[in-house]
Amino acid sequence: MSAPNPYVFRWLESDQDIASAFDLMHELRAELKRETFVLMVRSIESTNGYRLVGGFDHAKLISLAGVHHNNGLSRGSHLRVDDLVVTKACRGGGAGRAMLQFLAVEAKRLGIPALLLDARDEAKPFYSKLGFEYRHSTPCAVLVDQLLA
């Protein structure tokens, strides 16, 4: 039998909660700016239902995920994990797995059958160990102005 999960997960809903998550999100997304972070999160929330959830160990934020429900013909209904980060000092200690398990419970509660994310190359072994499979297409992007040039 595995040890109980020592982490507490909480949706970050106030501007203060979101602002307090900036340093951790910045570990994953170095291009973000503190001055615009809360406004960006609020904009994405209103556009597609994006939400931030924090994972806490003894009241200290050590993991963070940004998620939203998505549904499409190719992948069906899924909880899209756009941003998942564990503070560098806590990586390898089970916080990432615990966050994904929390998200799986939330998805199940909402009737969503799958989690979907894009994995950086260095994170693929972690996700594979948890049962994530690499399938469908490889995500790619282009700037609209570049395509129209």
N, C-alpha and C. Protein backbone atom coordinates (compact mmCIF):
# COMPACT_ATOMS: atom_id res chain seq x y z
N MET A 1 0.84 -1.18 0.00
CA MET A 1 0.00 0.00 0.00
C MET A 1 0.89 1.24 0.00
N SER A 2 0.56 2.22 -0.85
CA SER A 2 1.40 3.40 -0.96
C SER A 2 1.10 4.38 0.18
N ALA A 3 2.09 5.24 0.44
CA ALA A 3 1.94 6.24 1.50
C ALA A 3 0.88 7.25 1.09
N PRO A 4 0.22 7.85 2.07
CA PRO A 4 -0.79 8.86 1.73
C PRO A 4 -0.14 10.07 1.05
N ASN A 5 -0.90 10.71 0.20
CA ASN A 5 -0.44 11.88 -0.52
C ASN A 5 -0.29 13.04 0.47
N PRO A 6 0.93 13.62 0.61
CA PRO A 6 1.12 14.70 1.59
C PRO A 6 0.72 16.08 1.06
N TYR A 7 0.27 16.16 -0.18
CA TYR A 7 0.03 17.46 -0.80
C TYR A 7 -1.43 17.88 -0.70
N VAL A 8 -1.64 19.18 -0.67
CA VAL A 8 -2.97 19.77 -0.68
C VAL A 8 -3.10 20.53 -1.99
N PHE A 9 -4.21 20.33 -2.69
CA PHE A 9 -4.43 21.00 -3.98
C PHE A 9 -5.58 21.98 -3.83
N ARG A 10 -5.40 23.15 -4.46
CA ARG A 10 -6.40 24.20 -4.35
C ARG A 10 -6.42 25.01 -5.64
N TRP A 11 -7.64 25.28 -6.14
CA TRP A 11 -7.79 26.14 -7.31
C TRP A 11 -7.40 27.55 -6.92
N LEU A 12 -6.59 28.19 -7.75
CA LEU A 12 -6.14 29.56 -7.49
C LEU A 12 -7.13 30.51 -8.15
N GLU A 13 -7.94 31.16 -7.34
CA GLU A 13 -9.05 31.94 -7.88
C GLU A 13 -8.90 33.44 -7.69
N SER A 14 -8.28 33.88 -6.62
CA SER A 14 -8.15 35.33 -6.41
C SER A 14 -6.94 35.86 -7.18
N ASP A 15 -6.97 37.16 -7.46
CA ASP A 15 -5.81 37.78 -8.11
C ASP A 15 -4.55 37.58 -7.28
N GLN A 16 -4.69 37.65 -5.97
CA GLN A 16 -3.54 37.46 -5.08
C GLN A 16 -2.98 36.04 -5.21
N ASP A 17 -3.86 35.04 -5.24
CA ASP A 17 -3.41 33.65 -5.41
C ASP A 17 -2.68 33.47 -6.74
N ILE A 18 -3.26 34.03 -7.80
CA ILE A 18 -2.65 33.89 -9.12
C ILE A 18 -1.30 34.59 -9.15
N ALA A 19 -1.23 35.80 -8.62
CA ALA A 19 0.04 36.54 -8.58
C ALA A 19 1.09 35.78 -7.79
N SER A 20 0.69 35.11 -6.72
CA SER A 20 1.65 34.37 -5.89
C SER A 20 2.22 33.16 -6.61
N ALA A 21 1.60 32.75 -7.70
CA ALA A 21 2.07 31.59 -8.48
C ALA A 21 3.06 31.99 -9.57
N PHE A 22 3.30 33.28 -9.75
CA PHE A 22 4.14 33.73 -10.86
C PHE A 22 5.53 33.10 -10.83
N ASP A 23 6.21 33.15 -9.70
CA ASP A 23 7.59 32.65 -9.66
C ASP A 23 7.69 31.20 -10.10
N LEU A 24 6.75 30.38 -9.66
CA LEU A 24 6.77 28.97 -10.06
C LEU A 24 6.45 28.82 -11.54
N MET A 25 5.44 29.51 -12.04
CA MET A 25 5.13 29.43 -13.47
C MET A 25 6.29 29.94 -14.31
N HIS A 26 7.01 30.92 -13.80
CA HIS A 26 8.15 31.49 -14.52
C HIS A 26 9.26 30.45 -14.71
N GLU A 27 9.35 29.45 -13.81
CA GLU A 27 10.32 28.37 -14.00
C GLU A 27 10.04 27.61 -15.29
N LEU A 28 8.78 27.50 -15.67
CA LEU A 28 8.38 26.80 -16.89
C LEU A 28 8.29 27.74 -18.08
N ARG A 29 7.77 28.91 -17.86
CA ARG A 29 7.51 29.88 -18.93
C ARG A 29 8.30 31.16 -18.67
N ALA A 30 9.59 31.13 -18.99
CA ALA A 30 10.50 32.25 -18.69
C ALA A 30 10.13 33.53 -19.41
N GLU A 31 9.36 33.43 -20.47
CA GLU A 31 8.98 34.63 -21.24
C GLU A 31 7.89 35.46 -20.56
N LEU A 32 7.24 34.91 -19.55
CA LEU A 32 6.16 35.63 -18.87
C LEU A 32 6.71 36.79 -18.05
N LYS A 33 5.90 37.82 -17.91
CA LYS A 33 6.27 39.02 -17.15
C LYS A 33 5.35 39.14 -15.94
N ARG A 34 5.95 39.40 -14.80
CA ARG A 34 5.19 39.53 -13.55
C ARG A 34 4.07 40.58 -13.69
N GLU A 35 4.38 41.70 -14.36
CA GLU A 35 3.44 42.82 -14.45
C GLU A 35 2.15 42.45 -15.20
N THR A 36 2.20 41.49 -16.09
CA THR A 36 1.03 41.14 -16.90
C THR A 36 0.47 39.75 -16.62
N PHE A 37 1.08 39.03 -15.69
CA PHE A 37 0.72 37.64 -15.46
C PHE A 37 -0.75 37.46 -15.06
N VAL A 38 -1.21 38.18 -14.07
CA VAL A 38 -2.60 38.01 -13.62
C VAL A 38 -3.56 38.36 -14.74
N LEU A 39 -3.30 39.43 -15.45
CA LEU A 39 -4.17 39.84 -16.56
C LEU A 39 -4.20 38.77 -17.65
N MET A 40 -3.05 38.16 -17.95
CA MET A 40 -3.00 37.08 -18.95
C MET A 40 -3.85 35.90 -18.50
N VAL A 41 -3.68 35.49 -17.25
CA VAL A 41 -4.45 34.35 -16.74
C VAL A 41 -5.94 34.67 -16.80
N ARG A 42 -6.33 35.85 -16.38
CA ARG A 42 -7.75 36.23 -16.41
C ARG A 42 -8.29 36.23 -17.83
N SER A 43 -7.50 36.68 -18.78
CA SER A 43 -7.93 36.69 -20.18
C SER A 43 -8.14 35.27 -20.70
N ILE A 44 -7.21 34.37 -20.39
CA ILE A 44 -7.33 32.98 -20.84
C ILE A 44 -8.51 32.30 -20.14
N GLU A 45 -8.72 32.62 -18.87
CA GLU A 45 -9.88 32.07 -18.16
C GLU A 45 -11.18 32.43 -18.87
N SER A 46 -11.30 33.69 -19.26
CA SER A 46 -12.56 34.13 -19.88
C SER A 46 -12.71 33.61 -21.30
N THR A 47 -11.60 33.30 -21.96
CA THR A 47 -11.64 32.81 -23.34
C THR A 47 -11.99 31.33 -23.41
N ASN A 48 -11.32 30.50 -22.58
CA ASN A 48 -11.53 29.05 -22.73
C ASN A 48 -11.70 28.29 -21.42
N GLY A 49 -11.93 28.99 -20.32
CA GLY A 49 -12.16 28.28 -19.07
C GLY A 49 -10.91 27.81 -18.37
N TYR A 50 -9.76 28.30 -18.79
CA TYR A 50 -8.47 27.95 -18.16
C TYR A 50 -8.53 28.23 -16.67
N ARG A 51 -7.97 27.31 -15.89
CA ARG A 51 -7.90 27.47 -14.43
C ARG A 51 -6.54 27.02 -13.95
N LEU A 52 -6.05 27.69 -12.92
CA LEU A 52 -4.80 27.30 -12.28
C LEU A 52 -5.10 26.55 -11.00
N VAL A 53 -4.37 25.47 -10.79
CA VAL A 53 -4.47 24.74 -9.53
C VAL A 53 -3.06 24.67 -8.93
N GLY A 54 -2.99 24.91 -7.64
CA GLY A 54 -1.71 24.84 -6.95
C GLY A 54 -1.63 23.61 -6.08
N GLY A 55 -0.43 23.04 -6.02
CA GLY A 55 -0.15 21.93 -5.11
C GLY A 55 0.74 22.45 -3.99
N PHE A 56 0.31 22.24 -2.77
CA PHE A 56 0.99 22.81 -1.61
C PHE A 56 1.54 21.70 -0.71
N ASP A 57 2.73 21.93 -0.21
CA ASP A 57 3.35 21.05 0.78
C ASP A 57 3.60 21.93 2.00
N HIS A 58 2.88 21.66 3.08
CA HIS A 58 2.97 22.50 4.29
C HIS A 58 2.78 23.97 3.95
N ALA A 59 1.75 24.28 3.20
CA ALA A 59 1.34 25.64 2.81
C ALA A 59 2.29 26.32 1.84
N LYS A 60 3.31 25.61 1.35
CA LYS A 60 4.22 26.19 0.36
C LYS A 60 3.84 25.66 -1.03
N LEU A 61 3.66 26.59 -1.98
CA LEU A 61 3.32 26.21 -3.35
C LEU A 61 4.52 25.53 -4.00
N ILE A 62 4.36 24.25 -4.37
CA ILE A 62 5.47 23.53 -4.99
C ILE A 62 5.13 22.99 -6.37
N SER A 63 3.84 22.96 -6.72
CA SER A 63 3.45 22.51 -8.05
C SER A 63 2.29 23.36 -8.53
N LEU A 64 2.18 23.42 -9.86
CA LEU A 64 1.19 24.29 -10.47
C LEU A 64 0.78 23.69 -11.79
N ALA A 65 -0.51 23.78 -12.10
CA ALA A 65 -0.99 23.32 -13.41
C ALA A 65 -2.07 24.27 -13.90
N GLY A 66 -2.03 24.55 -15.19
CA GLY A 66 -3.07 25.31 -15.85
C GLY A 66 -3.84 24.37 -16.76
N VAL A 67 -5.15 24.30 -16.59
CA VAL A 67 -5.96 23.31 -17.31
C VAL A 67 -7.25 23.92 -17.84
N HIS A 68 -7.81 23.27 -18.84
CA HIS A 68 -9.15 23.61 -19.32
C HIS A 68 -9.74 22.41 -20.03
N HIS A 69 -11.07 22.34 -20.06
CA HIS A 69 -11.77 21.26 -20.76
C HIS A 69 -11.75 21.57 -22.25
N ASN A 70 -11.48 20.55 -23.04
CA ASN A 70 -11.47 20.69 -24.49
C ASN A 70 -12.20 19.49 -25.08
N ASN A 71 -12.73 19.67 -26.27
CA ASN A 71 -13.45 18.59 -26.94
C ASN A 71 -13.30 18.79 -28.44
N GLY A 72 -12.98 17.74 -29.14
CA GLY A 72 -12.82 17.84 -30.59
C GLY A 72 -12.97 16.49 -31.25
N LEU A 73 -13.04 16.50 -32.55
CA LEU A 73 -13.24 15.25 -33.30
C LEU A 73 -12.05 14.31 -33.19
N SER A 74 -10.84 14.84 -33.22
CA SER A 74 -9.67 13.96 -33.24
C SER A 74 -9.32 13.38 -31.88
N ARG A 75 -9.56 14.11 -30.81
CA ARG A 75 -9.14 13.66 -29.48
C ARG A 75 -10.29 13.47 -28.50
N GLY A 76 -11.48 13.85 -28.89
CA GLY A 76 -12.63 13.71 -28.01
C GLY A 76 -12.55 14.64 -26.81
N SER A 77 -13.35 14.35 -25.81
CA SER A 77 -13.40 15.16 -24.60
C SER A 77 -12.18 14.87 -23.74
N HIS A 78 -11.49 15.92 -23.31
CA HIS A 78 -10.31 15.74 -22.47
C HIS A 78 -10.05 16.98 -21.63
N LEU A 79 -9.36 16.78 -20.52
CA LEU A 79 -8.88 17.89 -19.71
C LEU A 79 -7.49 18.21 -20.23
N ARG A 80 -7.35 19.37 -20.81
CA ARG A 80 -6.10 19.80 -21.42
C ARG A 80 -5.21 20.41 -20.33
N VAL A 81 -4.02 19.86 -20.16
CA VAL A 81 -3.04 20.37 -19.21
C VAL A 81 -2.05 21.20 -20.01
N ASP A 82 -2.21 22.52 -19.97
CA ASP A 82 -1.34 23.39 -20.75
C ASP A 82 -0.03 23.70 -20.03
N ASP A 83 -0.06 23.77 -18.75
CA ASP A 83 1.12 24.16 -17.97
C ASP A 83 1.18 23.29 -16.74
N LEU A 84 2.26 22.53 -16.59
CA LEU A 84 2.47 21.74 -15.38
C LEU A 84 3.92 21.93 -14.97
N VAL A 85 4.11 22.40 -13.76
CA VAL A 85 5.47 22.64 -13.29
C VAL A 85 5.55 22.29 -11.80
N VAL A 86 6.68 21.70 -11.45
CA VAL A 86 7.02 21.43 -10.05
C VAL A 86 8.31 22.21 -9.79
N THR A 87 8.36 22.91 -8.67
CA THR A 87 9.55 23.68 -8.36
C THR A 87 10.78 22.77 -8.40
N LYS A 88 11.85 23.31 -8.92
CA LYS A 88 13.06 22.51 -9.18
C LYS A 88 13.50 21.72 -7.95
N ALA A 89 13.44 22.32 -6.78
CA ALA A 89 13.89 21.66 -5.56
C ALA A 89 13.05 20.44 -5.19
N CYS A 90 11.83 20.34 -5.71
CA CYS A 90 10.92 19.25 -5.34
C CYS A 90 10.71 18.22 -6.45
N ARG A 91 11.37 18.39 -7.58
CA ARG A 91 11.18 17.44 -8.68
C ARG A 91 11.71 16.07 -8.28
N GLY A 92 11.00 15.04 -8.71
CA GLY A 92 11.39 13.68 -8.40
C GLY A 92 10.85 13.17 -7.08
N GLY A 93 10.11 14.00 -6.37
CA GLY A 93 9.59 13.61 -5.06
C GLY A 93 8.13 13.20 -5.04
N GLY A 94 7.50 13.13 -6.21
CA GLY A 94 6.11 12.68 -6.28
C GLY A 94 5.08 13.79 -6.44
N ALA A 95 5.51 15.05 -6.44
CA ALA A 95 4.56 16.16 -6.54
C ALA A 95 3.90 16.22 -7.92
N GLY A 96 4.64 15.93 -8.97
CA GLY A 96 4.07 15.93 -10.32
C GLY A 96 3.04 14.83 -10.49
N ARG A 97 3.37 13.66 -10.03
CA ARG A 97 2.43 12.53 -10.09
C ARG A 97 1.17 12.86 -9.28
N ALA A 98 1.36 13.41 -8.09
CA ALA A 98 0.21 13.75 -7.25
C ALA A 98 -0.68 14.79 -7.93
N MET A 99 -0.07 15.77 -8.60
CA MET A 99 -0.86 16.78 -9.31
C MET A 99 -1.68 16.13 -10.42
N LEU A 100 -1.05 15.26 -11.20
CA LEU A 100 -1.78 14.60 -12.29
C LEU A 100 -2.89 13.70 -11.75
N GLN A 101 -2.65 13.07 -10.61
CA GLN A 101 -3.71 12.25 -10.00
C GLN A 101 -4.87 13.14 -9.52
N PHE A 102 -4.54 14.30 -8.95
CA PHE A 102 -5.59 15.25 -8.58
C PHE A 102 -6.40 15.65 -9.80
N LEU A 103 -5.71 15.96 -10.90
CA LEU A 103 -6.41 16.36 -12.13
C LEU A 103 -7.25 15.22 -12.69
N ALA A 104 -6.77 13.98 -12.56
CA ALA A 104 -7.54 12.83 -13.03
C ALA A 104 -8.83 12.67 -12.22
N VAL A 105 -8.75 12.88 -10.92
CA VAL A 105 -9.94 12.81 -10.07
C VAL A 105 -10.92 13.92 -10.48
N GLU A 106 -10.40 15.12 -10.72
CA GLU A 106 -11.25 16.24 -11.14
C GLU A 106 -11.90 15.94 -12.49
N ALA A 107 -11.13 15.41 -13.44
CA ALA A 107 -11.68 15.07 -14.75
C ALA A 107 -12.79 14.03 -14.61
N LYS A 108 -12.54 13.02 -13.81
CA LYS A 108 -13.55 11.97 -13.61
C LYS A 108 -14.83 12.56 -13.00
N ARG A 109 -14.67 13.46 -12.03
CA ARG A 109 -15.82 14.11 -11.40
C ARG A 109 -16.65 14.87 -12.43
N LEU A 110 -15.99 15.45 -13.42
CA LEU A 110 -16.67 16.23 -14.46
C LEU A 110 -17.13 15.38 -15.65
N GLY A 111 -16.85 14.07 -15.61
CA GLY A 111 -17.24 13.20 -16.71
C GLY A 111 -16.32 13.30 -17.91
N ILE A 112 -15.10 13.73 -17.69
CA ILE A 112 -14.11 13.88 -18.76
C ILE A 112 -13.21 12.64 -18.72
N PRO A 113 -13.10 11.89 -19.83
CA PRO A 113 -12.43 10.60 -19.78
C PRO A 113 -10.91 10.60 -19.90
N ALA A 114 -10.29 11.73 -20.25
CA ALA A 114 -8.84 11.68 -20.51
C ALA A 114 -8.17 13.00 -20.15
N LEU A 115 -6.86 12.91 -19.89
CA LEU A 115 -5.99 14.08 -19.77
C LEU A 115 -5.15 14.13 -21.03
N LEU A 116 -4.87 15.33 -21.51
CA LEU A 116 -4.03 15.50 -22.69
C LEU A 116 -3.07 16.64 -22.43
N LEU A 117 -1.81 16.46 -22.84
CA LEU A 117 -0.81 17.51 -22.69
C LEU A 117 0.25 17.38 -23.76
N ASP A 118 1.02 18.44 -23.95
CA ASP A 118 2.21 18.40 -24.79
C ASP A 118 3.39 18.21 -23.85
N ALA A 119 4.24 17.24 -24.13
CA ALA A 119 5.37 16.95 -23.26
C ALA A 119 6.68 17.43 -23.89
N ARG A 120 7.44 18.15 -23.09
CA ARG A 120 8.80 18.49 -23.53
C ARG A 120 9.61 17.20 -23.57
N ASP A 121 10.61 17.15 -24.44
CA ASP A 121 11.39 15.92 -24.60
C ASP A 121 11.93 15.40 -23.27
N GLU A 122 12.45 16.31 -22.43
CA GLU A 122 13.05 15.86 -21.17
C GLU A 122 12.01 15.33 -20.18
N ALA A 123 10.73 15.64 -20.40
CA ALA A 123 9.67 15.17 -19.50
C ALA A 123 9.00 13.89 -19.98
N LYS A 124 9.29 13.46 -21.20
CA LYS A 124 8.60 12.29 -21.75
C LYS A 124 8.76 11.02 -20.91
N PRO A 125 9.94 10.73 -20.36
CA PRO A 125 10.04 9.52 -19.52
C PRO A 125 9.10 9.58 -18.30
N PHE A 126 8.98 10.74 -17.70
CA PHE A 126 8.07 10.91 -16.56
C PHE A 126 6.64 10.58 -16.96
N TYR A 127 6.16 11.17 -18.05
CA TYR A 127 4.78 10.94 -18.48
C TYR A 127 4.57 9.50 -18.93
N SER A 128 5.54 8.93 -19.61
CA SER A 128 5.43 7.53 -20.05
C SER A 128 5.27 6.59 -18.86
N LYS A 129 6.02 6.85 -17.81
CA LYS A 129 5.96 6.02 -16.61
C LYS A 129 4.56 6.06 -15.98
N LEU A 130 3.85 7.17 -16.18
CA LEU A 130 2.50 7.31 -15.63
C LEU A 130 1.42 6.75 -16.56
N GLY A 131 1.83 6.27 -17.74
CA GLY A 131 0.87 5.67 -18.66
C GLY A 131 0.45 6.55 -19.83
N PHE A 132 0.99 7.76 -19.91
CA PHE A 132 0.67 8.60 -21.06
C PHE A 132 1.24 7.96 -22.32
N GLU A 133 0.47 8.02 -23.40
CA GLU A 133 0.90 7.47 -24.68
C GLU A 133 1.06 8.61 -25.67
N TYR A 134 2.04 8.47 -26.54
CA TYR A 134 2.30 9.48 -27.57
C TYR A 134 1.64 9.02 -28.85
N ARG A 135 0.62 9.78 -29.27
CA ARG A 135 -0.14 9.40 -30.46
C ARG A 135 -0.68 10.65 -31.14
N HIS A 136 -1.40 10.43 -32.19
CA HIS A 136 -1.97 11.52 -32.99
C HIS A 136 -0.84 12.31 -33.64
N SER A 137 -1.05 13.57 -33.82
CA SER A 137 -0.09 14.40 -34.53
C SER A 137 0.86 15.10 -33.56
N THR A 138 1.93 15.64 -34.12
CA THR A 138 2.85 16.44 -33.33
C THR A 138 2.38 17.89 -33.41
N PRO A 139 2.17 18.53 -32.26
CA PRO A 139 1.72 19.92 -32.29
C PRO A 139 2.73 20.81 -33.02
N CYS A 140 2.22 21.73 -33.78
CA CYS A 140 3.07 22.71 -34.44
C CYS A 140 2.31 24.03 -34.48
N ALA A 141 3.03 25.12 -34.70
CA ALA A 141 2.39 26.43 -34.68
C ALA A 141 3.06 27.35 -35.68
N VAL A 142 2.34 28.36 -36.11
CA VAL A 142 2.88 29.40 -36.98
C VAL A 142 2.20 30.71 -36.60
N LEU A 143 2.94 31.79 -36.67
CA LEU A 143 2.34 33.10 -36.45
C LEU A 143 1.45 33.44 -37.64
N VAL A 144 0.29 33.98 -37.38
CA VAL A 144 -0.68 34.30 -38.43
C VAL A 144 -0.05 35.23 -39.47
N ASP A 145 0.64 36.27 -39.02
CA ASP A 145 1.25 37.21 -39.97
C ASP A 145 2.27 36.53 -40.87
N GLN A 146 2.99 35.56 -40.33
CA GLN A 146 3.97 34.82 -41.13
C GLN A 146 3.27 34.01 -42.21
N LEU A 147 2.18 33.37 -41.86
CA LEU A 147 1.45 32.56 -42.82
C LEU A 147 0.80 33.41 -43.90
N LEU A 148 0.41 34.61 -43.55
CA LEU A 148 -0.25 35.50 -44.51
C LEU A 148 0.73 36.32 -45.34
N ALA A 149 2.01 36.25 -45.01
CA ALA A 149 3.02 37.05 -45.74
C ALA A 149 3.28 36.49 -47.13
